[in-house]
Amino acid sequence: MGGKKFVDDHSDQDFMELAIRNIRDQLGIRGDPLDVRVSRAYNAIPQYNLGHSDARDEARRVLREQTPWVSIAGSAYDGVGLNDCIMSGYKAADKYLGNAYLAGEI
């Protein structure tokens, strides 16, 4: 359960009820928990806002048309994990090195 807005807009009781409901639904456990704790990880892995991919794609389209020598890459665009960041950099570099396959253009 996460996302900044989700974490900020819900009480500890909301989280407990949702977690217990999910455990019951997904694991079939029907008993009540002996102990429940809520821990809010405000500095956890970030999540993109709704519409992020459309905005990113539009930014890339505009850059391609107006400044084709400029590219955007990194965690702000293609994923926040280390592997995502590395691949984002590879794709940006490959665009200029002529590897259309790795750049995701074919």
PDB file of N, CA and C in Angstrom:
ATOM      1  N   MET A   1       0.857  -1.162   0.000  1.00  0.00           N
ATOM      2  CA  MET A   1       0.000   0.000   0.000  1.00  0.00           C
ATOM      3  C   MET A   1       0.900   1.220   0.000  1.00  0.00           C
ATOM      4  N   GLY A   2       0.672   2.081  -0.926  1.00  0.00           N
ATOM      5  CA  GLY A   2       1.566   3.216  -0.935  1.00  0.00           C
ATOM      6  C   GLY A   2       1.189   4.302  -1.892  1.00  0.00           C
ATOM      7  N   GLY A   3       2.138   5.160  -2.077  1.00  0.00           N
ATOM      8  CA  GLY A   3       1.938   6.372  -2.834  1.00  0.00           C
ATOM      9  C   GLY A   3       1.746   7.514  -1.857  1.00  0.00           C
ATOM     10  N   LYS A   4       2.362   8.648  -2.136  1.00  0.00           N
ATOM     11  CA  LYS A   4       2.341   9.763  -1.190  1.00  0.00           C
ATOM     12  C   LYS A   4       0.930  10.167  -0.795  1.00  0.00           C
ATOM     13  N   LYS A   5       0.065  10.353  -1.763  1.00  0.00           N
ATOM     14  CA  LYS A   5      -1.298  10.782  -1.454  1.00  0.00           C
ATOM     15  C   LYS A   5      -2.021   9.717  -0.621  1.00  0.00           C
ATOM     16  N   PHE A   6      -1.827   8.471  -0.966  1.00  0.00           N
ATOM     17  CA  PHE A   6      -2.469   7.397  -0.227  1.00  0.00           C
ATOM     18  C   PHE A   6      -2.012   7.401   1.233  1.00  0.00           C
ATOM     19  N   VAL A   7      -0.714   7.537   1.437  1.00  0.00           N
ATOM     20  CA  VAL A   7      -0.169   7.524   2.801  1.00  0.00           C
ATOM     21  C   VAL A   7      -0.657   8.731   3.587  1.00  0.00           C
ATOM     22  N   ASP A   8      -0.707   9.888   2.961  1.00  0.00           N
ATOM     23  CA  ASP A   8      -1.101  11.110   3.659  1.00  0.00           C
ATOM     24  C   ASP A   8      -2.592  11.184   3.953  1.00  0.00           C
ATOM     25  N   ASP A   9      -3.402  10.560   3.132  1.00  0.00           N
ATOM     26  CA  ASP A   9      -4.853  10.730   3.230  1.00  0.00           C
ATOM     27  C   ASP A   9      -5.575   9.650   4.038  1.00  0.00           C
ATOM     28  N   HIS A  10      -4.853   8.722   4.622  1.00  0.00           N
ATOM     29  CA  HIS A  10      -5.502   7.628   5.345  1.00  0.00           C
ATOM     30  C   HIS A  10      -4.973   7.512   6.767  1.00  0.00           C
ATOM     31  N   SER A  11      -5.866   7.133   7.651  1.00  0.00           N
ATOM     32  CA  SER A  11      -5.502   6.969   9.059  1.00  0.00           C
ATOM     33  C   SER A  11      -4.849   5.604   9.278  1.00  0.00           C
ATOM     34  N   ASP A  12      -4.222   5.438  10.438  1.00  0.00           N
ATOM     35  CA  ASP A  12      -3.665   4.137  10.797  1.00  0.00           C
ATOM     36  C   ASP A  12      -4.762   3.076  10.802  1.00  0.00           C
ATOM     37  N   GLN A  13      -5.931   3.446  11.290  1.00  0.00           N
ATOM     38  CA  GLN A  13      -7.048   2.501  11.323  1.00  0.00           C
ATOM     39  C   GLN A  13      -7.439   2.074   9.900  1.00  0.00           C
ATOM     40  N   ASP A  14      -7.445   3.014   8.959  1.00  0.00           N
ATOM     41  CA  ASP A  14      -7.738   2.684   7.555  1.00  0.00           C
ATOM     42  C   ASP A  14      -6.740   1.649   7.035  1.00  0.00           C
ATOM     43  N   PHE A  15      -5.449   1.870   7.319  1.00  0.00           N
ATOM     44  CA  PHE A  15      -4.415   0.938   6.865  1.00  0.00           C
ATOM     45  C   PHE A  15      -4.599  -0.435   7.475  1.00  0.00           C
ATOM     46  N   MET A  16      -4.883  -0.479   8.768  1.00  0.00           N
ATOM     47  CA  MET A  16      -5.072  -1.771   9.436  1.00  0.00           C
ATOM     48  C   MET A  16      -6.240  -2.534   8.818  1.00  0.00           C
ATOM     49  N   GLU A  17      -7.342  -1.859   8.632  1.00  0.00           N
ATOM     50  CA  GLU A  17      -8.523  -2.517   8.070  1.00  0.00           C
ATOM     51  C   GLU A  17      -8.260  -3.005   6.640  1.00  0.00           C
ATOM     52  N   LEU A  18      -7.601  -2.189   5.846  1.00  0.00           N
ATOM     53  CA  LEU A  18      -7.304  -2.574   4.472  1.00  0.00           C
ATOM     54  C   LEU A  18      -6.338  -3.758   4.431  1.00  0.00           C
ATOM     55  N   ALA A  19      -5.303  -3.724   5.259  1.00  0.00           N
ATOM     56  CA  ALA A  19      -4.336  -4.818   5.289  1.00  0.00           C
ATOM     57  C   ALA A  19      -4.996  -6.126   5.711  1.00  0.00           C
ATOM     58  N   ILE A  20      -5.810  -6.075   6.745  1.00  0.00           N
ATOM     59  CA  ILE A  20      -6.485  -7.285   7.224  1.00  0.00           C
ATOM     60  C   ILE A  20      -7.436  -7.815   6.155  1.00  0.00           C
ATOM     61  N   ARG A  21      -8.174  -6.927   5.504  1.00  0.00           N
ATOM     62  CA  ARG A  21      -9.096  -7.338   4.442  1.00  0.00           C
ATOM     63  C   ARG A  21      -8.332  -7.991   3.287  1.00  0.00           C
ATOM     64  N   ASN A  22      -7.197  -7.397   2.895  1.00  0.00           N
ATOM     65  CA  ASN A  22      -6.401  -7.973   1.808  1.00  0.00           C
ATOM     66  C   ASN A  22      -5.846  -9.345   2.180  1.00  0.00           C
ATOM     67  N   ILE A  23      -5.362  -9.481   3.389  1.00  0.00           N
ATOM     68  CA  ILE A  23      -4.835 -10.774   3.839  1.00  0.00           C
ATOM     69  C   ILE A  23      -5.941 -11.826   3.831  1.00  0.00           C
ATOM     70  N   ARG A  24      -7.093 -11.454   4.304  1.00  0.00           N
ATOM     71  CA  ARG A  24      -8.222 -12.399   4.302  1.00  0.00           C
ATOM     72  C   ARG A  24      -8.594 -12.794   2.885  1.00  0.00           C
ATOM     73  N   ASP A  25      -8.701 -11.805   1.991  1.00  0.00           N
ATOM     74  CA  ASP A  25      -9.091 -12.084   0.611  1.00  0.00           C
ATOM     75  C   ASP A  25      -8.053 -12.902  -0.136  1.00  0.00           C
ATOM     76  N   GLN A  26      -6.787 -12.556   0.022  1.00  0.00           N
ATOM     77  CA  GLN A  26      -5.735 -13.182  -0.771  1.00  0.00           C
ATOM     78  C   GLN A  26      -5.225 -14.496  -0.190  1.00  0.00           C
ATOM     79  N   LEU A  27      -5.223 -14.604   1.132  1.00  0.00           N
ATOM     80  CA  LEU A  27      -4.665 -15.801   1.765  1.00  0.00           C
ATOM     81  C   LEU A  27      -5.715 -16.695   2.412  1.00  0.00           C
ATOM     82  N   GLY A  28      -6.936 -16.202   2.473  1.00  0.00           N
ATOM     83  CA  GLY A  28      -8.000 -17.008   3.068  1.00  0.00           C
ATOM     84  C   GLY A  28      -7.921 -17.127   4.576  1.00  0.00           C
ATOM     85  N   ILE A  29      -7.162 -16.264   5.228  1.00  0.00           N
ATOM     86  CA  ILE A  29      -7.052 -16.294   6.688  1.00  0.00           C
ATOM     87  C   ILE A  29      -8.253 -15.580   7.274  1.00  0.00           C
ATOM     88  N   ARG A  30      -8.958 -16.228   8.190  1.00  0.00           N
ATOM     89  CA  ARG A  30     -10.195 -15.656   8.723  1.00  0.00           C
ATOM     90  C   ARG A  30     -10.074 -15.164  10.166  1.00  0.00           C
ATOM     91  N   GLY A  31      -9.090 -15.625  10.892  1.00  0.00           N
ATOM     92  CA  GLY A  31      -8.944 -15.217  12.289  1.00  0.00           C
ATOM     93  C   GLY A  31      -8.486 -13.775  12.410  1.00  0.00           C
ATOM     94  N   ASP A  32      -8.690 -13.219  13.586  1.00  0.00           N
ATOM     95  CA  ASP A  32      -8.224 -11.856  13.850  1.00  0.00           C
ATOM     96  C   ASP A  32      -6.744 -11.863  14.205  1.00  0.00           C
ATOM     97  N   PRO A  33      -6.015 -10.855  13.785  1.00  0.00           N
ATOM     98  CA  PRO A  33      -4.587 -10.797  14.122  1.00  0.00           C
ATOM     99  C   PRO A  33      -4.391 -10.566  15.621  1.00  0.00           C
ATOM    100  N   LEU A  34      -3.291 -11.094  16.139  1.00  0.00           N
ATOM    101  CA  LEU A  34      -2.961 -10.889  17.545  1.00  0.00           C
ATOM    102  C   LEU A  34      -2.363  -9.511  17.776  1.00  0.00           C
ATOM    103  N   ASP A  35      -1.698  -8.986  16.757  1.00  0.00           N
ATOM    104  CA  ASP A  35      -1.047  -7.684  16.883  1.00  0.00           C
ATOM    105  C   ASP A  35      -1.013  -7.032  15.502  1.00  0.00           C
ATOM    106  N   VAL A  36      -1.241  -5.746  15.452  1.00  0.00           N
ATOM    107  CA  VAL A  36      -1.188  -4.996  14.196  1.00  0.00           C
ATOM    108  C   VAL A  36      -0.415  -3.709  14.453  1.00  0.00           C
ATOM    109  N   ARG A  37       0.527  -3.410  13.556  1.00  0.00           N
ATOM    110  CA  ARG A  37       1.293  -2.172  13.652  1.00  0.00           C
ATOM    111  C   ARG A  37       1.314  -1.503  12.295  1.00  0.00           C
ATOM    112  N   VAL A  38       1.233  -0.215  12.290  1.00  0.00           N
ATOM    113  CA  VAL A  38       1.307   0.564  11.055  1.00  0.00           C
ATOM    114  C   VAL A  38       2.616   1.334  11.065  1.00  0.00           C
ATOM    115  N   SER A  39       3.360   1.207   9.987  1.00  0.00           N
ATOM    116  CA  SER A  39       4.613   1.935   9.833  1.00  0.00           C
ATOM    117  C   SER A  39       4.560   2.666   8.499  1.00  0.00           C
ATOM    118  N   ARG A  40       4.717   3.956   8.540  1.00  0.00           N
ATOM    119  CA  ARG A  40       4.651   4.767   7.328  1.00  0.00           C
ATOM    120  C   ARG A  40       6.065   5.066   6.832  1.00  0.00           C
ATOM    121  N   ALA A  41       6.348   4.632   5.629  1.00  0.00           N
ATOM    122  CA  ALA A  41       7.670   4.828   5.034  1.00  0.00           C
ATOM    123  C   ALA A  41       7.600   6.003   4.062  1.00  0.00           C
ATOM    124  N   TYR A  42       7.730   7.199   4.600  1.00  0.00           N
ATOM    125  CA  TYR A  42       7.604   8.400   3.772  1.00  0.00           C
ATOM    126  C   TYR A  42       8.713   8.536   2.749  1.00  0.00           C
ATOM    127  N   ASN A  43       9.867   8.003   3.014  1.00  0.00           N
ATOM    128  CA  ASN A  43      10.992   8.132   2.090  1.00  0.00           C
ATOM    129  C   ASN A  43      11.277   6.829   1.363  1.00  0.00           C
ATOM    130  N   ALA A  44      10.233   6.055   1.125  1.00  0.00           N
ATOM    131  CA  ALA A  44      10.372   4.794   0.407  1.00  0.00           C
ATOM    132  C   ALA A  44      10.488   5.070  -1.093  1.00  0.00           C
ATOM    133  N   ILE A  45      10.445   4.013  -1.883  1.00  0.00           N
ATOM    134  CA  ILE A  45      10.542   4.162  -3.329  1.00  0.00           C
ATOM    135  C   ILE A  45       9.392   5.038  -3.823  1.00  0.00           C
ATOM    136  N   PRO A  46       9.699   6.090  -4.568  1.00  0.00           N
ATOM    137  CA  PRO A  46       8.643   6.988  -5.049  1.00  0.00           C
ATOM    138  C   PRO A  46       7.750   6.314  -6.083  1.00  0.00           C
ATOM    139  N   GLN A  47       6.559   6.829  -6.194  1.00  0.00           N
ATOM    140  CA  GLN A  47       5.621   6.356  -7.203  1.00  0.00           C
ATOM    141  C   GLN A  47       5.207   7.543  -8.058  1.00  0.00           C
ATOM    142  N   TYR A  48       5.067   7.291  -9.339  1.00  0.00           N
ATOM    143  CA  TYR A  48       4.674   8.348 -10.253  1.00  0.00           C
ATOM    144  C   TYR A  48       3.208   8.694 -10.073  1.00  0.00           C
ATOM    145  N   ASN A  49       2.877   9.947 -10.345  1.00  0.00           N
ATOM    146  CA  ASN A  49       1.491  10.384 -10.311  1.00  0.00           C
ATOM    147  C   ASN A  49       0.754   9.873 -11.545  1.00  0.00           C
ATOM    148  N   LEU A  50      -0.557   9.801 -11.453  1.00  0.00           N
ATOM    149  CA  LEU A  50      -1.392   9.404 -12.570  1.00  0.00           C
ATOM    150  C   LEU A  50      -1.141  10.348 -13.746  1.00  0.00           C
ATOM    151  N   GLY A  51      -0.940   9.786 -14.906  1.00  0.00           N
ATOM    152  CA  GLY A  51      -0.678  10.590 -16.104  1.00  0.00           C
ATOM    153  C   GLY A  51       0.801  10.825 -16.369  1.00  0.00           C
ATOM    154  N   HIS A  52       1.661  10.296 -15.514  1.00  0.00           N
ATOM    155  CA  HIS A  52       3.103  10.510 -15.668  1.00  0.00           C
ATOM    156  C   HIS A  52       3.610  10.041 -17.019  1.00  0.00           C
ATOM    157  N   SER A  53       3.236   8.842 -17.443  1.00  0.00           N
ATOM    158  CA  SER A  53       3.777   8.303 -18.692  1.00  0.00           C
ATOM    159  C   SER A  53       3.324   9.123 -19.895  1.00  0.00           C
ATOM    160  N   ASP A  54       2.090   9.634 -19.860  1.00  0.00           N
ATOM    161  CA  ASP A  54       1.628  10.494 -20.962  1.00  0.00           C
ATOM    162  C   ASP A  54       2.429  11.794 -21.016  1.00  0.00           C
ATOM    163  N   ALA A  55       2.681  12.394 -19.853  1.00  0.00           N
ATOM    164  CA  ALA A  55       3.462  13.637 -19.800  1.00  0.00           C
ATOM    165  C   ALA A  55       4.894  13.398 -20.262  1.00  0.00           C
ATOM    166  N   ARG A  56       5.485  12.281 -19.833  1.00  0.00           N
ATOM    167  CA  ARG A  56       6.847  11.933 -20.251  1.00  0.00           C
ATOM    168  C   ARG A  56       6.918  11.725 -21.753  1.00  0.00           C
ATOM    169  N   ASP A  57       5.944  10.994 -22.288  1.00  0.00           N
ATOM    170  CA  ASP A  57       5.935  10.739 -23.729  1.00  0.00           C
ATOM    171  C   ASP A  57       5.770  12.034 -24.524  1.00  0.00           C
ATOM    172  N   GLU A  58       4.945  12.940 -24.023  1.00  0.00           N
ATOM    173  CA  GLU A  58       4.757  14.231 -24.697  1.00  0.00           C
ATOM    174  C   GLU A  58       6.048  15.053 -24.641  1.00  0.00           C
ATOM    175  N   ALA A  59       6.725  15.044 -23.506  1.00  0.00           N
ATOM    176  CA  ALA A  59       8.002  15.765 -23.397  1.00  0.00           C
ATOM    177  C   ALA A  59       9.012  15.211 -24.393  1.00  0.00           C
ATOM    178  N   ARG A  60       9.068  13.897 -24.508  1.00  0.00           N
ATOM    179  CA  ARG A  60      10.003  13.293 -25.460  1.00  0.00           C
ATOM    180  C   ARG A  60       9.625  13.628 -26.896  1.00  0.00           C
ATOM    181  N   ARG A  61       8.345  13.669 -27.192  1.00  0.00           N
ATOM    182  CA  ARG A  61       7.892  14.018 -28.544  1.00  0.00           C
ATOM    183  C   ARG A  61       8.323  15.449 -28.889  1.00  0.00           C
ATOM    184  N   VAL A  62       8.098  16.370 -27.966  1.00  0.00           N
ATOM    185  CA  VAL A  62       8.463  17.764 -28.196  1.00  0.00           C
ATOM    186  C   VAL A  62       9.980  17.894 -28.359  1.00  0.00           C
ATOM    187  N   LEU A  63      10.720  17.220 -27.514  1.00  0.00           N
ATOM    188  CA  LEU A  63      12.185  17.270 -27.638  1.00  0.00           C
ATOM    189  C   LEU A  63      12.644  16.722 -28.983  1.00  0.00           C
ATOM    190  N   ARG A  64      12.059  15.614 -29.406  1.00  0.00           N
ATOM    191  CA  ARG A  64      12.425  15.004 -30.688  1.00  0.00           C
ATOM    192  C   ARG A  64      12.174  15.973 -31.841  1.00  0.00           C
ATOM    193  N   GLU A  65      11.066  16.708 -31.762  1.00  0.00           N
ATOM    194  CA  GLU A  65      10.722  17.640 -32.842  1.00  0.00           C
ATOM    195  C   GLU A  65      11.533  18.931 -32.792  1.00  0.00           C
ATOM    196  N   GLN A  66      11.751  19.470 -31.601  1.00  0.00           N
ATOM    197  CA  GLN A  66      12.345  20.803 -31.483  1.00  0.00           C
ATOM    198  C   GLN A  66      13.841  20.791 -31.183  1.00  0.00           C
ATOM    199  N   THR A  67      14.290  19.815 -30.443  1.00  0.00           N
ATOM    200  CA  THR A  67      15.715  19.730 -30.087  1.00  0.00           C
ATOM    201  C   THR A  67      16.144  18.269 -30.119  1.00  0.00           C
ATOM    202  N   PRO A  68      16.275  17.705 -31.320  1.00  0.00           N
ATOM    203  CA  PRO A  68      16.549  16.270 -31.425  1.00  0.00           C
ATOM    204  C   PRO A  68      17.889  15.840 -30.825  1.00  0.00           C
ATOM    205  N   TRP A  69      18.745  16.757 -30.497  1.00  0.00           N
ATOM    206  CA  TRP A  69      20.027  16.423 -29.878  1.00  0.00           C
ATOM    207  C   TRP A  69      19.910  16.306 -28.351  1.00  0.00           C
ATOM    208  N   VAL A  70      18.722  16.584 -27.803  1.00  0.00           N
ATOM    209  CA  VAL A  70      18.501  16.507 -26.356  1.00  0.00           C
ATOM    210  C   VAL A  70      17.644  15.285 -26.039  1.00  0.00           C
ATOM    211  N   SER A  71      18.000  14.583 -24.984  1.00  0.00           N
ATOM    212  CA  SER A  71      17.225  13.429 -24.546  1.00  0.00           C
ATOM    213  C   SER A  71      17.055  13.493 -23.032  1.00  0.00           C
ATOM    214  N   ILE A  72      16.003  12.883 -22.532  1.00  0.00           N
ATOM    215  CA  ILE A  72      15.803  12.796 -21.082  1.00  0.00           C
ATOM    216  C   ILE A  72      15.909  11.343 -20.662  1.00  0.00           C
ATOM    217  N   ALA A  73      16.500  11.127 -19.502  1.00  0.00           N
ATOM    218  CA  ALA A  73      16.686   9.769 -18.998  1.00  0.00           C
ATOM    219  C   ALA A  73      16.791   9.827 -17.482  1.00  0.00           C
ATOM    220  N   GLY A  74      16.584   8.689 -16.848  1.00  0.00           N
ATOM    221  CA  GLY A  74      16.773   8.595 -15.408  1.00  0.00           C
ATOM    222  C   GLY A  74      15.507   8.239 -14.654  1.00  0.00           C
ATOM    223  N   SER A  75      15.609   8.286 -13.355  1.00  0.00           N
ATOM    224  CA  SER A  75      14.520   7.820 -12.491  1.00  0.00           C
ATOM    225  C   SER A  75      13.269   8.683 -12.585  1.00  0.00           C
ATOM    226  N   ALA A  76      13.407   9.909 -13.024  1.00  0.00           N
ATOM    227  CA  ALA A  76      12.238  10.782 -13.148  1.00  0.00           C
ATOM    228  C   ALA A  76      11.364  10.391 -14.337  1.00  0.00           C
ATOM    229  N   TYR A  77      11.852   9.488 -15.191  1.00  0.00           N
ATOM    230  CA  TYR A  77      11.151   9.220 -16.434  1.00  0.00           C
ATOM    231  C   TYR A  77      10.780   7.754 -16.659  1.00  0.00           C
ATOM    232  N   ASP A  78      11.675   6.834 -16.384  1.00  0.00           N
ATOM    233  CA  ASP A  78      11.492   5.450 -16.850  1.00  0.00           C
ATOM    234  C   ASP A  78      11.524   4.386 -15.763  1.00  0.00           C
ATOM    235  N   GLY A  79      11.380   4.765 -14.532  1.00  0.00           N
ATOM    236  CA  GLY A  79      11.416   3.787 -13.446  1.00  0.00           C
ATOM    237  C   GLY A  79      12.420   4.207 -12.394  1.00  0.00           C
ATOM    238  N   VAL A  80      12.100   3.924 -11.146  1.00  0.00           N
ATOM    239  CA  VAL A  80      12.924   4.415 -10.047  1.00  0.00           C
ATOM    240  C   VAL A  80      13.962   3.415  -9.556  1.00  0.00           C
ATOM    241  N   GLY A  81      13.871   2.184  -9.994  1.00  0.00           N
ATOM    242  CA  GLY A  81      14.851   1.176  -9.583  1.00  0.00           C
ATOM    243  C   GLY A  81      16.179   1.371 -10.288  1.00  0.00           C
ATOM    244  N   LEU A  82      17.225   0.833  -9.706  1.00  0.00           N
ATOM    245  CA  LEU A  82      18.560   0.967 -10.289  1.00  0.00           C
ATOM    246  C   LEU A  82      18.604   0.419 -11.707  1.00  0.00           C
ATOM    247  N   ASN A  83      18.034  -0.764 -11.929  1.00  0.00           N
ATOM    248  CA  ASN A  83      18.035  -1.347 -13.272  1.00  0.00           C
ATOM    249  C   ASN A  83      17.276  -0.468 -14.257  1.00  0.00           C
ATOM    250  N   ASP A  84      16.166   0.122 -13.824  1.00  0.00           N
ATOM    251  CA  ASP A  84      15.402   1.025 -14.684  1.00  0.00           C
ATOM    252  C   ASP A  84      16.251   2.229 -15.093  1.00  0.00           C
ATOM    253  N   CYS A  85      16.988   2.792 -14.130  1.00  0.00           N
ATOM    254  CA  CYS A  85      17.820   3.962 -14.411  1.00  0.00           C
ATOM    255  C   CYS A  85      18.932   3.628 -15.392  1.00  0.00           C
ATOM    256  N   ILE A  86      19.553   2.479 -15.201  1.00  0.00           N
ATOM    257  CA  ILE A  86      20.624   2.058 -16.113  1.00  0.00           C
ATOM    258  C   ILE A  86      20.071   1.878 -17.518  1.00  0.00           C
ATOM    259  N   MET A  87      18.932   1.189 -17.646  1.00  0.00           N
ATOM    260  CA  MET A  87      18.348   0.966 -18.967  1.00  0.00           C
ATOM    261  C   MET A  87      17.923   2.285 -19.609  1.00  0.00           C
ATOM    262  N   SER A  88      17.410   3.206 -18.820  1.00  0.00           N
ATOM    263  CA  SER A  88      17.023   4.516 -19.332  1.00  0.00           C
ATOM    264  C   SER A  88      18.236   5.230 -19.930  1.00  0.00           C
ATOM    265  N   GLY A  89      19.352   5.161 -19.243  1.00  0.00           N
ATOM    266  CA  GLY A  89      20.586   5.765 -19.753  1.00  0.00           C
ATOM    267  C   GLY A  89      21.084   5.089 -21.010  1.00  0.00           C
ATOM    268  N   TYR A  90      21.018   3.750 -21.021  1.00  0.00           N
ATOM    269  CA  TYR A  90      21.410   3.010 -22.225  1.00  0.00           C
ATOM    270  C   TYR A  90      20.563   3.424 -23.426  1.00  0.00           C
ATOM    271  N   LYS A  91      19.258   3.509 -23.212  1.00  0.00           N
ATOM    272  CA  LYS A  91      18.363   3.865 -24.316  1.00  0.00           C
ATOM    273  C   LYS A  91      18.644   5.276 -24.822  1.00  0.00           C
ATOM    274  N   ALA A  92      18.891   6.200 -23.896  1.00  0.00           N
ATOM    275  CA  ALA A  92      19.200   7.569 -24.307  1.00  0.00           C
ATOM    276  C   ALA A  92      20.506   7.606 -25.098  1.00  0.00           C
ATOM    277  N   ALA A  93      21.517   6.878 -24.645  1.00  0.00           N
ATOM    278  CA  ALA A  93      22.803   6.853 -25.356  1.00  0.00           C
ATOM    279  C   ALA A  93      22.674   6.150 -26.696  1.00  0.00           C
ATOM    280  N   ASP A  94      21.941   5.045 -26.713  1.00  0.00           N
ATOM    281  CA  ASP A  94      21.789   4.291 -27.954  1.00  0.00           C
ATOM    282  C   ASP A  94      21.061   5.084 -29.034  1.00  0.00           C
ATOM    283  N   LYS A  95      20.202   6.010 -28.615  1.00  0.00           N
ATOM    284  CA  LYS A  95      19.520   6.873 -29.580  1.00  0.00           C
ATOM    285  C   LYS A  95      20.550   7.630 -30.413  1.00  0.00           C
ATOM    286  N   TYR A  96      21.630   8.048 -29.784  1.00  0.00           N
ATOM    287  CA  TYR A  96      22.651   8.830 -30.480  1.00  0.00           C
ATOM    288  C   TYR A  96      23.719   7.968 -31.127  1.00  0.00           C
ATOM    289  N   LEU A  97      23.818   6.738 -30.674  1.00  0.00           N
ATOM    290  CA  LEU A  97      24.816   5.839 -31.250  1.00  0.00           C
ATOM    291  C   LEU A  97      24.244   5.049 -32.418  1.00  0.00           C
ATOM    292  N   GLY A  98      22.952   5.192 -32.664  1.00  0.00           N
ATOM    293  CA  GLY A  98      22.357   4.574 -33.838  1.00  0.00           C
ATOM    294  C   GLY A  98      21.745   3.206 -33.630  1.00  0.00           C
ATOM    295  N   ASN A  99      21.599   2.739 -32.393  1.00  0.00           N
ATOM    296  CA  ASN A  99      20.982   1.450 -32.151  1.00  0.00           C
ATOM    297  C   ASN A  99      19.505   1.644 -31.868  1.00  0.00           C
ATOM    298  N   ALA A 100      18.701   1.701 -32.917  1.00  0.00           N
ATOM    299  CA  ALA A 100      17.271   1.982 -32.779  1.00  0.00           C
ATOM    300  C   ALA A 100      16.548   0.909 -31.972  1.00  0.00           C
ATOM    301  N   TYR A 101      17.022  -0.346 -32.048  1.00  0.00           N
ATOM    302  CA  TYR A 101      16.372  -1.419 -31.298  1.00  0.00           C
ATOM    303  C   TYR A 101      16.478  -1.190 -29.801  1.00  0.00           C
ATOM    304  N   LEU A 102      17.690  -0.941 -29.310  1.00  0.00           N
ATOM    305  CA  LEU A 102      17.872  -0.709 -27.887  1.00  0.00           C
ATOM    306  C   LEU A 102      17.238   0.594 -27.430  1.00  0.00           C
ATOM    307  N   ALA A 103      17.167   1.561 -28.311  1.00  0.00           N
ATOM    308  CA  ALA A 103      16.547   2.845 -27.972  1.00  0.00           C
ATOM    309  C   ALA A 103      15.028   2.743 -27.916  1.00  0.00           C
ATOM    310  N   GLY A 104      14.479   1.566 -28.271  1.00  0.00           N
ATOM    311  CA  GLY A 104      13.041   1.361 -28.194  1.00  0.00           C
ATOM    312  C   GLY A 104      12.275   1.970 -29.354  1.00  0.00           C
ATOM    313  N   GLU A 105      12.966   2.255 -30.422  1.00  0.00           N
ATOM    314  CA  GLU A 105      12.324   2.896 -31.571  1.00  0.00           C
ATOM    315  C   GLU A 105      11.815   1.888 -32.589  1.00  0.00           C
ATOM    316  N   ILE A 106      12.207   0.616 -32.462  1.00  0.00           N
ATOM    317  CA  ILE A 106      11.666  -0.437 -33.346  1.00  0.00           C
ATOM    318  C   ILE A 106      11.326  -1.652 -32.528  1.00  0.00           C
TER     319      ILE A 106
END
